[in-house]
Amino acid sequence: MACIDVDALTQFETDAKKGRPDALYNLGLAYSTGQGVGVDYVAAHKWFNLAAMKGSEIAKSWRAQISSEMTSNQIAEAQRLAREWLSIFR
């Protein structure tokens, strides 16, 4: 896996605000693997969930995988954060 640097993360965030599923997925990947950021399954789930809503099948798979390592409260928080993000950047 290629290393995700700060510049790439910034570009992913910019593209995510435009609704690009690949950018949403890449942010999920970064947070789930700790590439360029600390590992944060709540943030990763949020990004994978948003990418999945845009049709990314691989994001659905990754979301399911990390969900198995999260508590129900963490999943609920990730879903809340995804809804909050959508209310701003829809």
PDB file of N, CA and C in Angstrom:
ATOM      1  N   MET A   1       0.840  -1.164   0.000  1.00  0.00           N
ATOM      2  CA  MET A   1       0.000   0.000   0.000  1.00  0.00           C
ATOM      3  C   MET A   1       0.893   1.238   0.000  1.00  0.00           C
ATOM      4  N   ALA A   2       0.548   2.179  -0.824  1.00  0.00           N
ATOM      5  CA  ALA A   2       1.308   3.428  -0.889  1.00  0.00           C
ATOM      6  C   ALA A   2       1.075   4.232   0.381  1.00  0.00           C
ATOM      7  N   CYS A   3       2.085   4.949   0.772  1.00  0.00           N
ATOM      8  CA  CYS A   3       1.977   5.795   1.957  1.00  0.00           C
ATOM      9  C   CYS A   3       1.172   7.045   1.602  1.00  0.00           C
ATOM     10  N   ILE A   4       0.196   7.361   2.427  1.00  0.00           N
ATOM     11  CA  ILE A   4      -0.627   8.544   2.225  1.00  0.00           C
ATOM     12  C   ILE A   4      -0.017   9.676   3.033  1.00  0.00           C
ATOM     13  N   ASP A   5       0.389  10.750   2.345  1.00  0.00           N
ATOM     14  CA  ASP A   5       1.012  11.873   3.044  1.00  0.00           C
ATOM     15  C   ASP A   5      -0.002  12.992   3.280  1.00  0.00           C
ATOM     16  N   VAL A   6       0.453  14.036   3.964  1.00  0.00           N
ATOM     17  CA  VAL A   6      -0.414  15.142   4.341  1.00  0.00           C
ATOM     18  C   VAL A   6      -1.010  15.818   3.108  1.00  0.00           C
ATOM     19  N   ASP A   7      -0.223  15.983   2.061  1.00  0.00           N
ATOM     20  CA  ASP A   7      -0.733  16.612   0.839  1.00  0.00           C
ATOM     21  C   ASP A   7      -1.847  15.777   0.214  1.00  0.00           C
ATOM     22  N   ALA A   8      -1.663  14.470   0.200  1.00  0.00           N
ATOM     23  CA  ALA A   8      -2.693  13.588  -0.353  1.00  0.00           C
ATOM     24  C   ALA A   8      -3.959  13.664   0.488  1.00  0.00           C
ATOM     25  N   LEU A   9      -3.815  13.672   1.811  1.00  0.00           N
ATOM     26  CA  LEU A   9      -4.984  13.777   2.690  1.00  0.00           C
ATOM     27  C   LEU A   9      -5.744  15.067   2.431  1.00  0.00           C
ATOM     28  N   THR A  10      -5.012  16.157   2.253  1.00  0.00           N
ATOM     29  CA  THR A  10      -5.650  17.444   1.978  1.00  0.00           C
ATOM     30  C   THR A  10      -6.437  17.368   0.678  1.00  0.00           C
ATOM     31  N   GLN A  11      -5.854  16.746  -0.330  1.00  0.00           N
ATOM     32  CA  GLN A  11      -6.556  16.610  -1.612  1.00  0.00           C
ATOM     33  C   GLN A  11      -7.770  15.706  -1.475  1.00  0.00           C
ATOM     34  N   PHE A  12      -7.648  14.610  -0.724  1.00  0.00           N
ATOM     35  CA  PHE A  12      -8.790  13.725  -0.500  1.00  0.00           C
ATOM     36  C   PHE A  12      -9.923  14.481   0.185  1.00  0.00           C
ATOM     37  N   GLU A  13      -9.581  15.308   1.182  1.00  0.00           N
ATOM     38  CA  GLU A  13     -10.605  16.077   1.895  1.00  0.00           C
ATOM     39  C   GLU A  13     -11.293  17.057   0.960  1.00  0.00           C
ATOM     40  N   THR A  14     -10.523  17.712   0.107  1.00  0.00           N
ATOM     41  CA  THR A  14     -11.099  18.646  -0.869  1.00  0.00           C
ATOM     42  C   THR A  14     -12.033  17.915  -1.823  1.00  0.00           C
ATOM     43  N   ASP A  15     -11.566  16.786  -2.338  1.00  0.00           N
ATOM     44  CA  ASP A  15     -12.375  16.008  -3.276  1.00  0.00           C
ATOM     45  C   ASP A  15     -13.595  15.381  -2.594  1.00  0.00           C
ATOM     46  N   ALA A  16     -13.459  15.009  -1.329  1.00  0.00           N
ATOM     47  CA  ALA A  16     -14.587  14.440  -0.586  1.00  0.00           C
ATOM     48  C   ALA A  16     -15.718  15.460  -0.475  1.00  0.00           C
ATOM     49  N   LYS A  17     -15.367  16.712  -0.271  1.00  0.00           N
ATOM     50  CA  LYS A  17     -16.379  17.767  -0.170  1.00  0.00           C
ATOM     51  C   LYS A  17     -17.139  17.935  -1.481  1.00  0.00           C
ATOM     52  N   LYS A  18     -16.559  17.464  -2.569  1.00  0.00           N
ATOM     53  CA  LYS A  18     -17.210  17.508  -3.881  1.00  0.00           C
ATOM     54  C   LYS A  18     -18.016  16.232  -4.139  1.00  0.00           C
ATOM     55  N   GLY A  19     -18.002  15.329  -3.154  1.00  0.00           N
ATOM     56  CA  GLY A  19     -18.782  14.102  -3.264  1.00  0.00           C
ATOM     57  C   GLY A  19     -18.126  12.968  -4.014  1.00  0.00           C
ATOM     58  N   ARG A  20     -16.818  13.025  -4.201  1.00  0.00           N
ATOM     59  CA  ARG A  20     -16.128  11.967  -4.949  1.00  0.00           C
ATOM     60  C   ARG A  20     -15.985  10.709  -4.095  1.00  0.00           C
ATOM     61  N   PRO A  21     -16.594   9.602  -4.515  1.00  0.00           N
ATOM     62  CA  PRO A  21     -16.536   8.369  -3.727  1.00  0.00           C
ATOM     63  C   PRO A  21     -15.122   7.864  -3.489  1.00  0.00           C
ATOM     64  N   ASP A  22     -14.225   8.025  -4.476  1.00  0.00           N
ATOM     65  CA  ASP A  22     -12.859   7.544  -4.303  1.00  0.00           C
ATOM     66  C   ASP A  22     -12.143   8.315  -3.200  1.00  0.00           C
ATOM     67  N   ALA A  23     -12.422   9.596  -3.086  1.00  0.00           N
ATOM     68  CA  ALA A  23     -11.799  10.402  -2.029  1.00  0.00           C
ATOM     69  C   ALA A  23     -12.352  10.006  -0.661  1.00  0.00           C
ATOM     70  N   LEU A  24     -13.652   9.791  -0.593  1.00  0.00           N
ATOM     71  CA  LEU A  24     -14.271   9.348   0.671  1.00  0.00           C
ATOM     72  C   LEU A  24     -13.672   8.010   1.099  1.00  0.00           C
ATOM     73  N   TYR A  25     -13.548   7.096   0.142  1.00  0.00           N
ATOM     74  CA  TYR A  25     -12.954   5.787   0.417  1.00  0.00           C
ATOM     75  C   TYR A  25     -11.507   5.923   0.882  1.00  0.00           C
ATOM     76  N   ASN A  26     -10.725   6.750   0.191  1.00  0.00           N
ATOM     77  CA  ASN A  26      -9.319   6.917   0.561  1.00  0.00           C
ATOM     78  C   ASN A  26      -9.158   7.508   1.953  1.00  0.00           C
ATOM     79  N   LEU A  27     -10.054   8.375   2.360  1.00  0.00           N
ATOM     80  CA  LEU A  27     -10.007   8.886   3.734  1.00  0.00           C
ATOM     81  C   LEU A  27     -10.306   7.759   4.724  1.00  0.00           C
ATOM     82  N   GLY A  28     -11.278   6.934   4.400  1.00  0.00           N
ATOM     83  CA  GLY A  28     -11.556   5.774   5.254  1.00  0.00           C
ATOM     84  C   GLY A  28     -10.358   4.857   5.358  1.00  0.00           C
ATOM     85  N   LEU A  29      -9.711   4.631   4.234  1.00  0.00           N
ATOM     86  CA  LEU A  29      -8.520   3.788   4.212  1.00  0.00           C
ATOM     87  C   LEU A  29      -7.410   4.389   5.072  1.00  0.00           C
ATOM     88  N   ALA A  30      -7.215   5.686   4.959  1.00  0.00           N
ATOM     89  CA  ALA A  30      -6.177   6.356   5.752  1.00  0.00           C
ATOM     90  C   ALA A  30      -6.426   6.169   7.239  1.00  0.00           C
ATOM     91  N   TYR A  31      -7.657   6.420   7.679  1.00  0.00           N
ATOM     92  CA  TYR A  31      -7.958   6.325   9.114  1.00  0.00           C
ATOM     93  C   TYR A  31      -8.000   4.880   9.610  1.00  0.00           C
ATOM     94  N   SER A  32      -8.353   3.946   8.750  1.00  0.00           N
ATOM     95  CA  SER A  32      -8.409   2.554   9.205  1.00  0.00           C
ATOM     96  C   SER A  32      -7.030   1.917   9.282  1.00  0.00           C
ATOM     97  N   THR A  33      -6.068   2.440   8.530  1.00  0.00           N
ATOM     98  CA  THR A  33      -4.731   1.853   8.505  1.00  0.00           C
ATOM     99  C   THR A  33      -3.665   2.722   9.156  1.00  0.00           C
ATOM    100  N   GLY A  34      -4.025   3.962   9.499  1.00  0.00           N
ATOM    101  CA  GLY A  34      -3.048   4.861  10.112  1.00  0.00           C
ATOM    102  C   GLY A  34      -2.075   5.471   9.122  1.00  0.00           C
ATOM    103  N   GLN A  35      -2.467   5.583   7.876  1.00  0.00           N
ATOM    104  CA  GLN A  35      -1.611   6.170   6.844  1.00  0.00           C
ATOM    105  C   GLN A  35      -1.778   7.688   6.842  1.00  0.00           C
ATOM    106  N   GLY A  36      -0.803   8.396   7.373  1.00  0.00           N
ATOM    107  CA  GLY A  36      -0.847   9.859   7.401  1.00  0.00           C
ATOM    108  C   GLY A  36      -1.602  10.432   8.576  1.00  0.00           C
ATOM    109  N   VAL A  37      -2.325   9.589   9.287  1.00  0.00           N
ATOM    110  CA  VAL A  37      -3.093   9.987  10.469  1.00  0.00           C
ATOM    111  C   VAL A  37      -3.048   8.834  11.463  1.00  0.00           C
ATOM    112  N   GLY A  38      -3.497   9.089  12.674  1.00  0.00           N
ATOM    113  CA  GLY A  38      -3.597   8.001  13.642  1.00  0.00           C
ATOM    114  C   GLY A  38      -4.764   7.091  13.291  1.00  0.00           C
ATOM    115  N   VAL A  39      -4.666   5.830  13.649  1.00  0.00           N
ATOM    116  CA  VAL A  39      -5.773   4.902  13.429  1.00  0.00           C
ATOM    117  C   VAL A  39      -6.972   5.382  14.235  1.00  0.00           C
ATOM    118  N   ASP A  40      -8.108   5.517  13.553  1.00  0.00           N
ATOM    119  CA  ASP A  40      -9.347   5.981  14.186  1.00  0.00           C
ATOM    120  C   ASP A  40     -10.499   5.275  13.475  1.00  0.00           C
ATOM    121  N   TYR A  41     -10.994   4.208  14.073  1.00  0.00           N
ATOM    122  CA  TYR A  41     -12.047   3.418  13.432  1.00  0.00           C
ATOM    123  C   TYR A  41     -13.357   4.188  13.313  1.00  0.00           C
ATOM    124  N   VAL A  42     -13.635   5.086  14.239  1.00  0.00           N
ATOM    125  CA  VAL A  42     -14.862   5.880  14.142  1.00  0.00           C
ATOM    126  C   VAL A  42     -14.791   6.761  12.891  1.00  0.00           C
ATOM    127  N   ALA A  43     -13.680   7.461  12.716  1.00  0.00           N
ATOM    128  CA  ALA A  43     -13.513   8.304  11.526  1.00  0.00           C
ATOM    129  C   ALA A  43     -13.502   7.442  10.263  1.00  0.00           C
ATOM    130  N   ALA A  44     -12.813   6.309  10.307  1.00  0.00           N
ATOM    131  CA  ALA A  44     -12.748   5.424   9.143  1.00  0.00           C
ATOM    132  C   ALA A  44     -14.144   4.949   8.754  1.00  0.00           C
ATOM    133  N   HIS A  45     -14.925   4.517   9.730  1.00  0.00           N
ATOM    134  CA  HIS A  45     -16.284   4.043   9.472  1.00  0.00           C
ATOM    135  C   HIS A  45     -17.113   5.159   8.840  1.00  0.00           C
ATOM    136  N   LYS A  46     -16.971   6.375   9.355  1.00  0.00           N
ATOM    137  CA  LYS A  46     -17.692   7.521   8.801  1.00  0.00           C
ATOM    138  C   LYS A  46     -17.371   7.670   7.314  1.00  0.00           C
ATOM    139  N   TRP A  47     -16.090   7.689   6.976  1.00  0.00           N
ATOM    140  CA  TRP A  47     -15.695   7.881   5.577  1.00  0.00           C
ATOM    141  C   TRP A  47     -16.111   6.713   4.704  1.00  0.00           C
ATOM    142  N   PHE A  48     -15.949   5.487   5.199  1.00  0.00           N
ATOM    143  CA  PHE A  48     -16.385   4.324   4.426  1.00  0.00           C
ATOM    144  C   PHE A  48     -17.900   4.348   4.217  1.00  0.00           C
ATOM    145  N   ASN A  49     -18.628   4.754   5.237  1.00  0.00           N
ATOM    146  CA  ASN A  49     -20.078   4.835   5.134  1.00  0.00           C
ATOM    147  C   ASN A  49     -20.481   5.843   4.056  1.00  0.00           C
ATOM    148  N   LEU A  50     -19.841   6.994   4.052  1.00  0.00           N
ATOM    149  CA  LEU A  50     -20.139   8.017   3.047  1.00  0.00           C
ATOM    150  C   LEU A  50     -19.793   7.523   1.638  1.00  0.00           C
ATOM    151  N   ALA A  51     -18.664   6.845   1.512  1.00  0.00           N
ATOM    152  CA  ALA A  51     -18.268   6.292   0.208  1.00  0.00           C
ATOM    153  C   ALA A  51     -19.251   5.212  -0.238  1.00  0.00           C
ATOM    154  N   ALA A  52     -19.679   4.382   0.699  1.00  0.00           N
ATOM    155  CA  ALA A  52     -20.643   3.326   0.388  1.00  0.00           C
ATOM    156  C   ALA A  52     -21.962   3.925  -0.093  1.00  0.00           C
ATOM    157  N   MET A  53     -22.366   5.019   0.511  1.00  0.00           N
ATOM    158  CA  MET A  53     -23.595   5.694   0.088  1.00  0.00           C
ATOM    159  C   MET A  53     -23.484   6.206  -1.344  1.00  0.00           C
ATOM    160  N   LYS A  54     -22.254   6.459  -1.790  1.00  0.00           N
ATOM    161  CA  LYS A  54     -22.010   6.920  -3.156  1.00  0.00           C
ATOM    162  C   LYS A  54     -21.772   5.757  -4.117  1.00  0.00           C
ATOM    163  N   GLY A  55     -21.920   4.517  -3.614  1.00  0.00           N
ATOM    164  CA  GLY A  55     -21.838   3.356  -4.479  1.00  0.00           C
ATOM    165  C   GLY A  55     -20.541   2.569  -4.451  1.00  0.00           C
ATOM    166  N   SER A  56     -19.612   2.911  -3.561  1.00  0.00           N
ATOM    167  CA  SER A  56     -18.342   2.201  -3.504  1.00  0.00           C
ATOM    168  C   SER A  56     -18.508   0.845  -2.811  1.00  0.00           C
ATOM    169  N   GLU A  57     -18.383  -0.215  -3.605  1.00  0.00           N
ATOM    170  CA  GLU A  57     -18.510  -1.567  -3.057  1.00  0.00           C
ATOM    171  C   GLU A  57     -17.355  -1.906  -2.114  1.00  0.00           C
ATOM    172  N   ILE A  58     -16.158  -1.464  -2.461  1.00  0.00           N
ATOM    173  CA  ILE A  58     -15.001  -1.769  -1.602  1.00  0.00           C
ATOM    174  C   ILE A  58     -15.129  -1.074  -0.252  1.00  0.00           C
ATOM    175  N   ALA A  59     -15.732   0.117  -0.255  1.00  0.00           N
ATOM    176  CA  ALA A  59     -15.954   0.822   1.011  1.00  0.00           C
ATOM    177  C   ALA A  59     -16.925   0.041   1.889  1.00  0.00           C
ATOM    178  N   LYS A  60     -17.926  -0.587   1.275  1.00  0.00           N
ATOM    179  CA  LYS A  60     -18.871  -1.408   2.046  1.00  0.00           C
ATOM    180  C   LYS A  60     -18.139  -2.561   2.723  1.00  0.00           C
ATOM    181  N   SER A  61     -17.222  -3.168   1.993  1.00  0.00           N
ATOM    182  CA  SER A  61     -16.461  -4.288   2.532  1.00  0.00           C
ATOM    183  C   SER A  61     -15.580  -3.846   3.703  1.00  0.00           C
ATOM    184  N   TRP A  62     -14.862  -2.751   3.516  1.00  0.00           N
ATOM    185  CA  TRP A  62     -13.995  -2.246   4.592  1.00  0.00           C
ATOM    186  C   TRP A  62     -14.825  -1.814   5.806  1.00  0.00           C
ATOM    187  N   ARG A  63     -15.979  -1.175   5.550  1.00  0.00           N
ATOM    188  CA  ARG A  63     -16.847  -0.756   6.655  1.00  0.00           C
ATOM    189  C   ARG A  63     -17.279  -1.969   7.468  1.00  0.00           C
ATOM    190  N   ALA A  64     -17.668  -3.035   6.799  1.00  0.00           N
ATOM    191  CA  ALA A  64     -18.081  -4.258   7.490  1.00  0.00           C
ATOM    192  C   ALA A  64     -16.936  -4.848   8.296  1.00  0.00           C
ATOM    193  N   GLN A  65     -15.747  -4.826   7.710  1.00  0.00           N
ATOM    194  CA  GLN A  65     -14.578  -5.393   8.385  1.00  0.00           C
ATOM    195  C   GLN A  65     -14.255  -4.643   9.672  1.00  0.00           C
ATOM    196  N   ILE A  66     -14.209  -3.310   9.605  1.00  0.00           N
ATOM    197  CA  ILE A  66     -13.844  -2.580  10.829  1.00  0.00           C
ATOM    198  C   ILE A  66     -14.997  -2.550  11.826  1.00  0.00           C
ATOM    199  N   SER A  67     -16.238  -2.681  11.348  1.00  0.00           N
ATOM    200  CA  SER A  67     -17.385  -2.714  12.263  1.00  0.00           C
ATOM    201  C   SER A  67     -17.271  -3.864  13.246  1.00  0.00           C
ATOM    202  N   SER A  68     -16.679  -4.955  12.783  1.00  0.00           N
ATOM    203  CA  SER A  68     -16.540  -6.122  13.655  1.00  0.00           C
ATOM    204  C   SER A  68     -15.560  -5.870  14.801  1.00  0.00           C
ATOM    205  N   GLU A  69     -14.783  -4.814  14.698  1.00  0.00           N
ATOM    206  CA  GLU A  69     -13.820  -4.472  15.740  1.00  0.00           C
ATOM    207  C   GLU A  69     -14.252  -3.248  16.558  1.00  0.00           C
ATOM    208  N   MET A  70     -15.485  -2.785  16.326  1.00  0.00           N
ATOM    209  CA  MET A  70     -15.986  -1.590  17.000  1.00  0.00           C
ATOM    210  C   MET A  70     -17.143  -1.949  17.929  1.00  0.00           C
ATOM    211  N   THR A  71     -17.349  -1.112  18.937  1.00  0.00           N
ATOM    212  CA  THR A  71     -18.512  -1.273  19.799  1.00  0.00           C
ATOM    213  C   THR A  71     -19.729  -0.646  19.116  1.00  0.00           C
ATOM    214  N   SER A  72     -20.911  -0.981  19.596  1.00  0.00           N
ATOM    215  CA  SER A  72     -22.127  -0.391  19.029  1.00  0.00           C
ATOM    216  C   SER A  72     -22.148   1.123  19.239  1.00  0.00           C
ATOM    217  N   ASN A  73     -21.586   1.588  20.339  1.00  0.00           N
ATOM    218  CA  ASN A  73     -21.511   3.039  20.584  1.00  0.00           C
ATOM    219  C   ASN A  73     -20.586   3.723  19.581  1.00  0.00           C
ATOM    220  N   GLN A  74     -19.479   3.080  19.252  1.00  0.00           N
ATOM    221  CA  GLN A  74     -18.562   3.654  18.266  1.00  0.00           C
ATOM    222  C   GLN A  74     -19.215   3.717  16.888  1.00  0.00           C
ATOM    223  N   ILE A  75     -19.937   2.674  16.521  1.00  0.00           N
ATOM    224  CA  ILE A  75     -20.620   2.658  15.230  1.00  0.00           C
ATOM    225  C   ILE A  75     -21.689   3.751  15.192  1.00  0.00           C
ATOM    226  N   ALA A  76     -22.427   3.886  16.273  1.00  0.00           N
ATOM    227  CA  ALA A  76     -23.451   4.942  16.341  1.00  0.00           C
ATOM    228  C   ALA A  76     -22.813   6.321  16.212  1.00  0.00           C
ATOM    229  N   GLU A  77     -21.679   6.522  16.839  1.00  0.00           N
ATOM    230  CA  GLU A  77     -20.974   7.804  16.741  1.00  0.00           C
ATOM    231  C   GLU A  77     -20.507   8.050  15.305  1.00  0.00           C
ATOM    232  N   ALA A  78     -19.985   7.030  14.651  1.00  0.00           N
ATOM    233  CA  ALA A  78     -19.540   7.164  13.258  1.00  0.00           C
ATOM    234  C   ALA A  78     -20.722   7.519  12.355  1.00  0.00           C
ATOM    235  N   GLN A  79     -21.860   6.897  12.591  1.00  0.00           N
ATOM    236  CA  GLN A  79     -23.050   7.188  11.793  1.00  0.00           C
ATOM    237  C   GLN A  79     -23.537   8.618  12.042  1.00  0.00           C
ATOM    238  N   ARG A  80     -23.469   9.052  13.286  1.00  0.00           N
ATOM    239  CA  ARG A  80     -23.859  10.426  13.619  1.00  0.00           C
ATOM    240  C   ARG A  80     -22.952  11.415  12.901  1.00  0.00           C
ATOM    241  N   LEU A  81     -21.644  11.137  12.922  1.00  0.00           N
ATOM    242  CA  LEU A  81     -20.684  12.020  12.256  1.00  0.00           C
ATOM    243  C   LEU A  81     -20.904  12.044  10.742  1.00  0.00           C
ATOM    244  N   ALA A  82     -21.271  10.914  10.160  1.00  0.00           N
ATOM    245  CA  ALA A  82     -21.553  10.869   8.722  1.00  0.00           C
ATOM    246  C   ALA A  82     -22.779  11.725   8.398  1.00  0.00           C
ATOM    247  N   ARG A  83     -23.823  11.616   9.214  1.00  0.00           N
ATOM    248  CA  ARG A  83     -25.021  12.441   8.990  1.00  0.00           C
ATOM    249  C   ARG A  83     -24.699  13.918   9.139  1.00  0.00           C
ATOM    250  N   GLU A  84     -23.881  14.240  10.128  1.00  0.00           N
ATOM    251  CA  GLU A  84     -23.472  15.631  10.341  1.00  0.00           C
ATOM    252  C   GLU A  84     -22.694  16.152   9.132  1.00  0.00           C
ATOM    253  N   TRP A  85     -21.771  15.343   8.628  1.00  0.00           N
ATOM    254  CA  TRP A  85     -20.980  15.737   7.463  1.00  0.00           C
ATOM    255  C   TRP A  85     -21.883  15.973   6.262  1.00  0.00           C
ATOM    256  N   LEU A  86     -22.866  15.063   6.068  1.00  0.00           N
ATOM    257  CA  LEU A  86     -23.797  15.198   4.949  1.00  0.00           C
ATOM    258  C   LEU A  86     -24.624  16.475   5.047  1.00  0.00           C
ATOM    259  N   SER A  87     -24.964  16.862   6.254  1.00  0.00           N
ATOM    260  CA  SER A  87     -25.771  18.073   6.415  1.00  0.00           C
ATOM    261  C   SER A  87     -24.993  19.320   6.011  1.00  0.00           C
ATOM    262  N   ILE A  88     -23.679  19.231   6.014  1.00  0.00           N
ATOM    263  CA  ILE A  88     -22.826  20.370   5.641  1.00  0.00           C
ATOM    264  C   ILE A  88     -22.429  20.300   4.167  1.00  0.00           C
ATOM    265  N   PHE A  89     -22.057  19.108   3.686  1.00  0.00           N
ATOM    266  CA  PHE A  89     -21.444  18.978   2.365  1.00  0.00           C
ATOM    267  C   PHE A  89     -22.291  18.240   1.336  1.00  0.00           C
ATOM    268  N   ARG A  90     -23.542  18.078   1.569  1.00  0.00           N
ATOM    269  CA  ARG A  90     -24.395  17.354   0.630  1.00  0.00           C
ATOM    270  C   ARG A  90     -24.480  18.022  -0.685  1.00  0.00           C
TER     271      ARG A  90
END
